[in-house]
Amino acid sequence: FKQFKHLQGQGISISEAARRYGVVQPTISKWVAAGHIPIIGMDKNRKLIDEAVIAYYAHQYHKIAKEGRRTDRLLFG
């Protein structure tokens, strides 16, 4: 998580996070709804999530997916 610490507390919309980190929007929305990624604010009608958290989970998601394993169970137990 240390490599993403500089992003901590910065808000990013779910759609921007999907583009930036290469995880489809419905997957990120599911992680947010499950409480794995905190909502840190709102911008009009868009939820802003903590960029450090999504960057970390996206990194882990791609690493696990590359190995051909189920991602959600391995990411969140």
PDB file of N, CA and C in Angstrom:
ATOM      1  N   PHE A   1       0.833  -1.203   0.000  1.00  0.00           N
ATOM      2  CA  PHE A   1       0.000   0.000   0.000  1.00  0.00           C
ATOM      3  C   PHE A   1       0.872   1.260   0.000  1.00  0.00           C
ATOM      4  N   LYS A   2       2.126   1.131   0.438  1.00  0.00           N
ATOM      5  CA  LYS A   2       3.012   2.292   0.545  1.00  0.00           C
ATOM      6  C   LYS A   2       3.200   3.022  -0.778  1.00  0.00           C
ATOM      7  N   GLN A   3       3.227   2.278  -1.883  1.00  0.00           N
ATOM      8  CA  GLN A   3       3.470   2.919  -3.171  1.00  0.00           C
ATOM      9  C   GLN A   3       2.324   3.821  -3.612  1.00  0.00           C
ATOM     10  N   PHE A   4       1.169   3.716  -2.965  1.00  0.00           N
ATOM     11  CA  PHE A   4       0.010   4.540  -3.316  1.00  0.00           C
ATOM     12  C   PHE A   4      -0.323   5.566  -2.235  1.00  0.00           C
ATOM     13  N   LYS A   5       0.508   5.633  -1.192  1.00  0.00           N
ATOM     14  CA  LYS A   5       0.243   6.532  -0.055  1.00  0.00           C
ATOM     15  C   LYS A   5       0.108   7.992  -0.481  1.00  0.00           C
ATOM     16  N   HIS A   6       0.855   8.401  -1.499  1.00  0.00           N
ATOM     17  CA  HIS A   6       0.790   9.797  -1.953  1.00  0.00           C
ATOM     18  C   HIS A   6      -0.582  10.166  -2.520  1.00  0.00           C
ATOM     19  N   LEU A   7      -1.409   9.161  -2.834  1.00  0.00           N
ATOM     20  CA  LEU A   7      -2.754   9.411  -3.365  1.00  0.00           C
ATOM     21  C   LEU A   7      -3.819   9.441  -2.271  1.00  0.00           C
ATOM     22  N   GLN A   8      -3.442   9.107  -1.059  1.00  0.00           N
ATOM     23  CA  GLN A   8      -4.397   8.986   0.032  1.00  0.00           C
ATOM     24  C   GLN A   8      -5.150  10.297   0.266  1.00  0.00           C
ATOM     25  N   GLY A   9      -6.460  10.170   0.374  1.00  0.00           N
ATOM     26  CA  GLY A   9      -7.308  11.321   0.629  1.00  0.00           C
ATOM     27  C   GLY A   9      -7.722  12.099  -0.603  1.00  0.00           C
ATOM     28  N   GLN A  10      -7.174  11.746  -1.761  1.00  0.00           N
ATOM     29  CA  GLN A  10      -7.567  12.403  -3.007  1.00  0.00           C
ATOM     30  C   GLN A  10      -8.810  11.705  -3.554  1.00  0.00           C
ATOM     31  N   GLY A  11      -9.822  12.470  -3.847  1.00  0.00           N
ATOM     32  CA  GLY A  11     -11.056  11.915  -4.379  1.00  0.00           C
ATOM     33  C   GLY A  11     -10.988  11.722  -5.889  1.00  0.00           C
ATOM     34  N   ILE A  12     -11.539  10.617  -6.344  1.00  0.00           N
ATOM     35  CA  ILE A  12     -11.637  10.323  -7.771  1.00  0.00           C
ATOM     36  C   ILE A  12     -12.995   9.685  -8.005  1.00  0.00           C
ATOM     37  N   SER A  13     -13.640  10.065  -9.107  1.00  0.00           N
ATOM     38  CA  SER A  13     -14.943   9.478  -9.401  1.00  0.00           C
ATOM     39  C   SER A  13     -14.761   8.025  -9.838  1.00  0.00           C
ATOM     40  N   ILE A  14     -15.815   7.261  -9.714  1.00  0.00           N
ATOM     41  CA  ILE A  14     -15.754   5.847 -10.092  1.00  0.00           C
ATOM     42  C   ILE A  14     -15.454   5.706 -11.581  1.00  0.00           C
ATOM     43  N   SER A  15     -16.064   6.534 -12.411  1.00  0.00           N
ATOM     44  CA  SER A  15     -15.821   6.432 -13.851  1.00  0.00           C
ATOM     45  C   SER A  15     -14.382   6.803 -14.210  1.00  0.00           C
ATOM     46  N   GLU A  16     -13.827   7.825 -13.557  1.00  0.00           N
ATOM     47  CA  GLU A  16     -12.436   8.193 -13.808  1.00  0.00           C
ATOM     48  C   GLU A  16     -11.493   7.104 -13.302  1.00  0.00           C
ATOM     49  N   ALA A  17     -11.809   6.521 -12.165  1.00  0.00           N
ATOM     50  CA  ALA A  17     -10.991   5.428 -11.627  1.00  0.00           C
ATOM     51  C   ALA A  17     -10.999   4.238 -12.588  1.00  0.00           C
ATOM     52  N   ALA A  18     -12.150   3.951 -13.173  1.00  0.00           N
ATOM     53  CA  ALA A  18     -12.238   2.847 -14.137  1.00  0.00           C
ATOM     54  C   ALA A  18     -11.317   3.097 -15.324  1.00  0.00           C
ATOM     55  N   ARG A  19     -11.337   4.310 -15.838  1.00  0.00           N
ATOM     56  CA  ARG A  19     -10.461   4.647 -16.972  1.00  0.00           C
ATOM     57  C   ARG A  19      -8.989   4.617 -16.569  1.00  0.00           C
ATOM     58  N   ARG A  20      -8.686   5.219 -15.452  1.00  0.00           N
ATOM     59  CA  ARG A  20      -7.289   5.363 -15.035  1.00  0.00           C
ATOM     60  C   ARG A  20      -6.646   4.034 -14.626  1.00  0.00           C
ATOM     61  N   TYR A  21      -7.427   3.169 -13.975  1.00  0.00           N
ATOM     62  CA  TYR A  21      -6.842   1.959 -13.406  1.00  0.00           C
ATOM     63  C   TYR A  21      -7.247   0.676 -14.124  1.00  0.00           C
ATOM     64  N   GLY A  22      -8.039   0.769 -15.178  1.00  0.00           N
ATOM     65  CA  GLY A  22      -8.327  -0.393 -16.006  1.00  0.00           C
ATOM     66  C   GLY A  22      -9.188  -1.461 -15.361  1.00  0.00           C
ATOM     67  N   VAL A  23     -10.070  -1.045 -14.465  1.00  0.00           N
ATOM     68  CA  VAL A  23     -11.040  -1.953 -13.861  1.00  0.00           C
ATOM     69  C   VAL A  23     -12.415  -1.433 -14.269  1.00  0.00           C
ATOM     70  N   VAL A  24     -13.280  -2.302 -14.767  1.00  0.00           N
ATOM     71  CA  VAL A  24     -14.569  -1.833 -15.277  1.00  0.00           C
ATOM     72  C   VAL A  24     -15.397  -1.191 -14.169  1.00  0.00           C
ATOM     73  N   GLN A  25     -16.179  -0.218 -14.565  1.00  0.00           N
ATOM     74  CA  GLN A  25     -16.969   0.576 -13.624  1.00  0.00           C
ATOM     75  C   GLN A  25     -17.905  -0.275 -12.753  1.00  0.00           C
ATOM     76  N   PRO A  26     -18.622  -1.269 -13.309  1.00  0.00           N
ATOM     77  CA  PRO A  26     -19.502  -2.068 -12.433  1.00  0.00           C
ATOM     78  C   PRO A  26     -18.744  -2.797 -11.320  1.00  0.00           C
ATOM     79  N   THR A  27     -17.525  -3.215 -11.593  1.00  0.00           N
ATOM     80  CA  THR A  27     -16.726  -3.893 -10.569  1.00  0.00           C
ATOM     81  C   THR A  27     -16.365  -2.922  -9.454  1.00  0.00           C
ATOM     82  N   ILE A  28     -15.929  -1.731  -9.813  1.00  0.00           N
ATOM     83  CA  ILE A  28     -15.590  -0.739  -8.791  1.00  0.00           C
ATOM     84  C   ILE A  28     -16.837  -0.362  -7.990  1.00  0.00           C
ATOM     85  N   SER A  29     -17.953  -0.183  -8.672  1.00  0.00           N
ATOM     86  CA  SER A  29     -19.204   0.145  -7.974  1.00  0.00           C
ATOM     87  C   SER A  29     -19.585  -0.955  -6.990  1.00  0.00           C
ATOM     88  N   LYS A  30     -19.358  -2.200  -7.361  1.00  0.00           N
ATOM     89  CA  LYS A  30     -19.651  -3.323  -6.473  1.00  0.00           C
ATOM     90  C   LYS A  30     -18.746  -3.283  -5.243  1.00  0.00           C
ATOM     91  N   TRP A  31     -17.481  -2.951  -5.438  1.00  0.00           N
ATOM     92  CA  TRP A  31     -16.547  -2.849  -4.308  1.00  0.00           C
ATOM     93  C   TRP A  31     -16.960  -1.717  -3.371  1.00  0.00           C
ATOM     94  N   VAL A  32     -17.418  -0.602  -3.944  1.00  0.00           N
ATOM     95  CA  VAL A  32     -17.869   0.532  -3.132  1.00  0.00           C
ATOM     96  C   VAL A  32     -19.119   0.143  -2.349  1.00  0.00           C
ATOM     97  N   ALA A  33     -20.085  -0.481  -3.025  1.00  0.00           N
ATOM     98  CA  ALA A  33     -21.334  -0.875  -2.377  1.00  0.00           C
ATOM     99  C   ALA A  33     -21.087  -1.874  -1.240  1.00  0.00           C
ATOM    100  N   ALA A  34     -20.073  -2.721  -1.400  1.00  0.00           N
ATOM    101  CA  ALA A  34     -19.750  -3.709  -0.372  1.00  0.00           C
ATOM    102  C   ALA A  34     -18.955  -3.096   0.778  1.00  0.00           C
ATOM    103  N   GLY A  35     -18.544  -1.839   0.630  1.00  0.00           N
ATOM    104  CA  GLY A  35     -17.818  -1.151   1.693  1.00  0.00           C
ATOM    105  C   GLY A  35     -16.315  -1.359   1.665  1.00  0.00           C
ATOM    106  N   HIS A  36     -15.795  -1.950   0.608  1.00  0.00           N
ATOM    107  CA  HIS A  36     -14.352  -2.189   0.507  1.00  0.00           C
ATOM    108  C   HIS A  36     -13.583  -0.917   0.152  1.00  0.00           C
ATOM    109  N   ILE A  37     -14.228  -0.021  -0.579  1.00  0.00           N
ATOM    110  CA  ILE A  37     -13.604   1.241  -0.970  1.00  0.00           C
ATOM    111  C   ILE A  37     -14.463   2.378  -0.403  1.00  0.00           C
ATOM    112  N   PRO A  38     -13.866   3.235   0.415  1.00  0.00           N
ATOM    113  CA  PRO A  38     -14.663   4.288   1.054  1.00  0.00           C
ATOM    114  C   PRO A  38     -15.014   5.442   0.111  1.00  0.00           C
ATOM    115  N   ILE A  39     -16.210   5.952   0.309  1.00  0.00           N
ATOM    116  CA  ILE A  39     -16.625   7.178  -0.372  1.00  0.00           C
ATOM    117  C   ILE A  39     -16.140   8.326   0.511  1.00  0.00           C
ATOM    118  N   ILE A  40     -15.369   9.233  -0.078  1.00  0.00           N
ATOM    119  CA  ILE A  40     -14.822  10.319   0.740  1.00  0.00           C
ATOM    120  C   ILE A  40     -15.461  11.667   0.435  1.00  0.00           C
ATOM    121  N   GLY A  41     -16.388  11.683  -0.523  1.00  0.00           N
ATOM    122  CA  GLY A  41     -17.067  12.930  -0.835  1.00  0.00           C
ATOM    123  C   GLY A  41     -17.984  12.768  -2.032  1.00  0.00           C
ATOM    124  N   MET A  42     -18.564  13.895  -2.415  1.00  0.00           N
ATOM    125  CA  MET A  42     -19.453  13.932  -3.578  1.00  0.00           C
ATOM    126  C   MET A  42     -19.077  15.136  -4.424  1.00  0.00           C
ATOM    127  N   ASP A  43     -19.209  14.984  -5.731  1.00  0.00           N
ATOM    128  CA  ASP A  43     -19.034  16.081  -6.677  1.00  0.00           C
ATOM    129  C   ASP A  43     -20.286  16.097  -7.537  1.00  0.00           C
ATOM    130  N   LYS A  44     -21.194  16.998  -7.218  1.00  0.00           N
ATOM    131  CA  LYS A  44     -22.529  17.018  -7.814  1.00  0.00           C
ATOM    132  C   LYS A  44     -23.190  15.679  -7.495  1.00  0.00           C
ATOM    133  N   ASN A  45     -23.438  14.843  -8.496  1.00  0.00           N
ATOM    134  CA  ASN A  45     -24.091  13.559  -8.217  1.00  0.00           C
ATOM    135  C   ASN A  45     -23.114  12.380  -8.310  1.00  0.00           C
ATOM    136  N   ARG A  46     -21.811  12.675  -8.357  1.00  0.00           N
ATOM    137  CA  ARG A  46     -20.810  11.607  -8.483  1.00  0.00           C
ATOM    138  C   ARG A  46     -20.155  11.328  -7.139  1.00  0.00           C
ATOM    139  N   LYS A  47     -20.058  10.050  -6.813  1.00  0.00           N
ATOM    140  CA  LYS A  47     -19.356   9.644  -5.600  1.00  0.00           C
ATOM    141  C   LYS A  47     -17.863   9.755  -5.854  1.00  0.00           C
ATOM    142  N   LEU A  48     -17.147  10.283  -4.877  1.00  0.00           N
ATOM    143  CA  LEU A  48     -15.693  10.344  -4.950  1.00  0.00           C
ATOM    144  C   LEU A  48     -15.126   9.320  -3.981  1.00  0.00           C
ATOM    145  N   ILE A  49     -14.252   8.470  -4.490  1.00  0.00           N
ATOM    146  CA  ILE A  49     -13.641   7.430  -3.671  1.00  0.00           C
ATOM    147  C   ILE A  49     -12.173   7.781  -3.444  1.00  0.00           C
ATOM    148  N   ASP A  50     -11.587   7.166  -2.439  1.00  0.00           N
ATOM    149  CA  ASP A  50     -10.190   7.420  -2.104  1.00  0.00           C
ATOM    150  C   ASP A  50      -9.294   6.805  -3.178  1.00  0.00           C
ATOM    151  N   GLU A  51      -8.528   7.640  -3.849  1.00  0.00           N
ATOM    152  CA  GLU A  51      -7.719   7.167  -4.972  1.00  0.00           C
ATOM    153  C   GLU A  51      -6.636   6.186  -4.531  1.00  0.00           C
ATOM    154  N   ALA A  52      -6.088   6.340  -3.348  1.00  0.00           N
ATOM    155  CA  ALA A  52      -5.062   5.405  -2.879  1.00  0.00           C
ATOM    156  C   ALA A  52      -5.633   3.999  -2.747  1.00  0.00           C
ATOM    157  N   VAL A  53      -6.854   3.901  -2.265  1.00  0.00           N
ATOM    158  CA  VAL A  53      -7.480   2.597  -2.049  1.00  0.00           C
ATOM    159  C   VAL A  53      -7.785   1.932  -3.384  1.00  0.00           C
ATOM    160  N   ILE A  54      -8.373   2.656  -4.320  1.00  0.00           N
ATOM    161  CA  ILE A  54      -8.690   2.048  -5.611  1.00  0.00           C
ATOM    162  C   ILE A  54      -7.413   1.718  -6.380  1.00  0.00           C
ATOM    163  N   ALA A  55      -6.384   2.537  -6.260  1.00  0.00           N
ATOM    164  CA  ALA A  55      -5.112   2.242  -6.933  1.00  0.00           C
ATOM    165  C   ALA A  55      -4.527   0.937  -6.402  1.00  0.00           C
ATOM    166  N   TYR A  56      -4.571   0.759  -5.101  1.00  0.00           N
ATOM    167  CA  TYR A  56      -4.056  -0.470  -4.485  1.00  0.00           C
ATOM    168  C   TYR A  56      -4.865  -1.679  -4.937  1.00  0.00           C
ATOM    169  N   TYR A  57      -6.197  -1.597  -4.823  1.00  0.00           N
ATOM    170  CA  TYR A  57      -7.022  -2.741  -5.196  1.00  0.00           C
ATOM    171  C   TYR A  57      -6.929  -3.048  -6.692  1.00  0.00           C
ATOM    172  N   ALA A  58      -6.834  -2.036  -7.527  1.00  0.00           N
ATOM    173  CA  ALA A  58      -6.686  -2.258  -8.968  1.00  0.00           C
ATOM    174  C   ALA A  58      -5.368  -2.976  -9.252  1.00  0.00           C
ATOM    175  N   HIS A  59      -4.314  -2.555  -8.567  1.00  0.00           N
ATOM    176  CA  HIS A  59      -3.009  -3.199  -8.736  1.00  0.00           C
ATOM    177  C   HIS A  59      -3.102  -4.682  -8.361  1.00  0.00           C
ATOM    178  N   GLN A  60      -3.699  -4.968  -7.209  1.00  0.00           N
ATOM    179  CA  GLN A  60      -3.857  -6.350  -6.758  1.00  0.00           C
ATOM    180  C   GLN A  60      -4.777  -7.135  -7.694  1.00  0.00           C
ATOM    181  N   TYR A  61      -5.847  -6.492  -8.135  1.00  0.00           N
ATOM    182  CA  TYR A  61      -6.822  -7.119  -9.044  1.00  0.00           C
ATOM    183  C   TYR A  61      -6.131  -7.587 -10.324  1.00  0.00           C
ATOM    184  N   HIS A  62      -5.332  -6.731 -10.918  1.00  0.00           N
ATOM    185  CA  HIS A  62      -4.647  -7.092 -12.164  1.00  0.00           C
ATOM    186  C   HIS A  62      -3.617  -8.191 -11.935  1.00  0.00           C
ATOM    187  N   LYS A  63      -2.948  -8.157 -10.797  1.00  0.00           N
ATOM    188  CA  LYS A  63      -1.960  -9.185 -10.478  1.00  0.00           C
ATOM    189  C   LYS A  63      -2.634 -10.554 -10.328  1.00  0.00           C
ATOM    190  N   ILE A  64      -3.751 -10.588  -9.623  1.00  0.00           N
ATOM    191  CA  ILE A  64      -4.480 -11.839  -9.401  1.00  0.00           C
ATOM    192  C   ILE A  64      -5.107 -12.329 -10.704  1.00  0.00           C
ATOM    193  N   ALA A  65      -5.716 -11.422 -11.455  1.00  0.00           N
ATOM    194  CA  ALA A  65      -6.373 -11.791 -12.708  1.00  0.00           C
ATOM    195  C   ALA A  65      -5.359 -12.351 -13.708  1.00  0.00           C
ATOM    196  N   LYS A  66      -4.169 -11.808 -13.696  1.00  0.00           N
ATOM    197  CA  LYS A  66      -3.109 -12.278 -14.589  1.00  0.00           C
ATOM    198  C   LYS A  66      -2.765 -13.739 -14.310  1.00  0.00           C
ATOM    199  N   GLU A  67      -2.911 -14.138 -13.050  1.00  0.00           N
ATOM    200  CA  GLU A  67      -2.657 -15.522 -12.657  1.00  0.00           C
ATOM    201  C   GLU A  67      -3.843 -16.430 -12.974  1.00  0.00           C
ATOM    202  N   GLY A  68      -4.957 -15.852 -13.441  1.00  0.00           N
ATOM    203  CA  GLY A  68      -6.142 -16.624 -13.798  1.00  0.00           C
ATOM    204  C   GLY A  68      -6.958 -17.083 -12.610  1.00  0.00           C
ATOM    205  N   ARG A  69      -6.876 -16.357 -11.508  1.00  0.00           N
ATOM    206  CA  ARG A  69      -7.597 -16.726 -10.305  1.00  0.00           C
ATOM    207  C   ARG A  69      -8.777 -15.797 -10.069  1.00  0.00           C
ATOM    208  N   ARG A  70      -9.740 -16.277  -9.270  1.00  0.00           N
ATOM    209  CA  ARG A  70     -10.896 -15.439  -8.908  1.00  0.00           C
ATOM    210  C   ARG A  70     -10.424 -14.254  -8.095  1.00  0.00           C
ATOM    211  N   THR A  71     -10.869 -13.077  -8.484  1.00  0.00           N
ATOM    212  CA  THR A  71     -10.311 -11.867  -7.878  1.00  0.00           C
ATOM    213  C   THR A  71     -10.984 -11.437  -6.584  1.00  0.00           C
ATOM    214  N   ASP A  72     -12.309 -11.357  -6.555  1.00  0.00           N
ATOM    215  CA  ASP A  72     -12.993 -10.765  -5.393  1.00  0.00           C
ATOM    216  C   ASP A  72     -12.704 -11.528  -4.094  1.00  0.00           C
ATOM    217  N   ARG A  73     -12.765 -12.825  -4.145  1.00  0.00           N
ATOM    218  CA  ARG A  73     -12.542 -13.608  -2.936  1.00  0.00           C
ATOM    219  C   ARG A  73     -11.102 -13.432  -2.438  1.00  0.00           C
ATOM    220  N   LEU A  74     -10.151 -13.368  -3.348  1.00  0.00           N
ATOM    221  CA  LEU A  74      -8.760 -13.199  -2.953  1.00  0.00           C
ATOM    222  C   LEU A  74      -8.460 -11.784  -2.478  1.00  0.00           C
ATOM    223  N   LEU A  75      -9.122 -10.799  -3.059  1.00  0.00           N
ATOM    224  CA  LEU A  75      -8.905  -9.417  -2.637  1.00  0.00           C
ATOM    225  C   LEU A  75      -9.501  -9.120  -1.260  1.00  0.00           C
ATOM    226  N   PHE A  76     -10.695  -9.625  -1.038  1.00  0.00           N
ATOM    227  CA  PHE A  76     -11.442  -9.200   0.146  1.00  0.00           C
ATOM    228  C   PHE A  76     -11.739 -10.322   1.146  1.00  0.00           C
ATOM    229  N   GLY A  77     -11.239 -11.497   0.869  1.00  0.00           N
ATOM    230  CA  GLY A  77     -11.394 -12.615   1.827  1.00  0.00           C
ATOM    231  C   GLY A  77     -12.709 -13.175   1.865  1.00  0.00           C
TER     232      GLY A  77
END
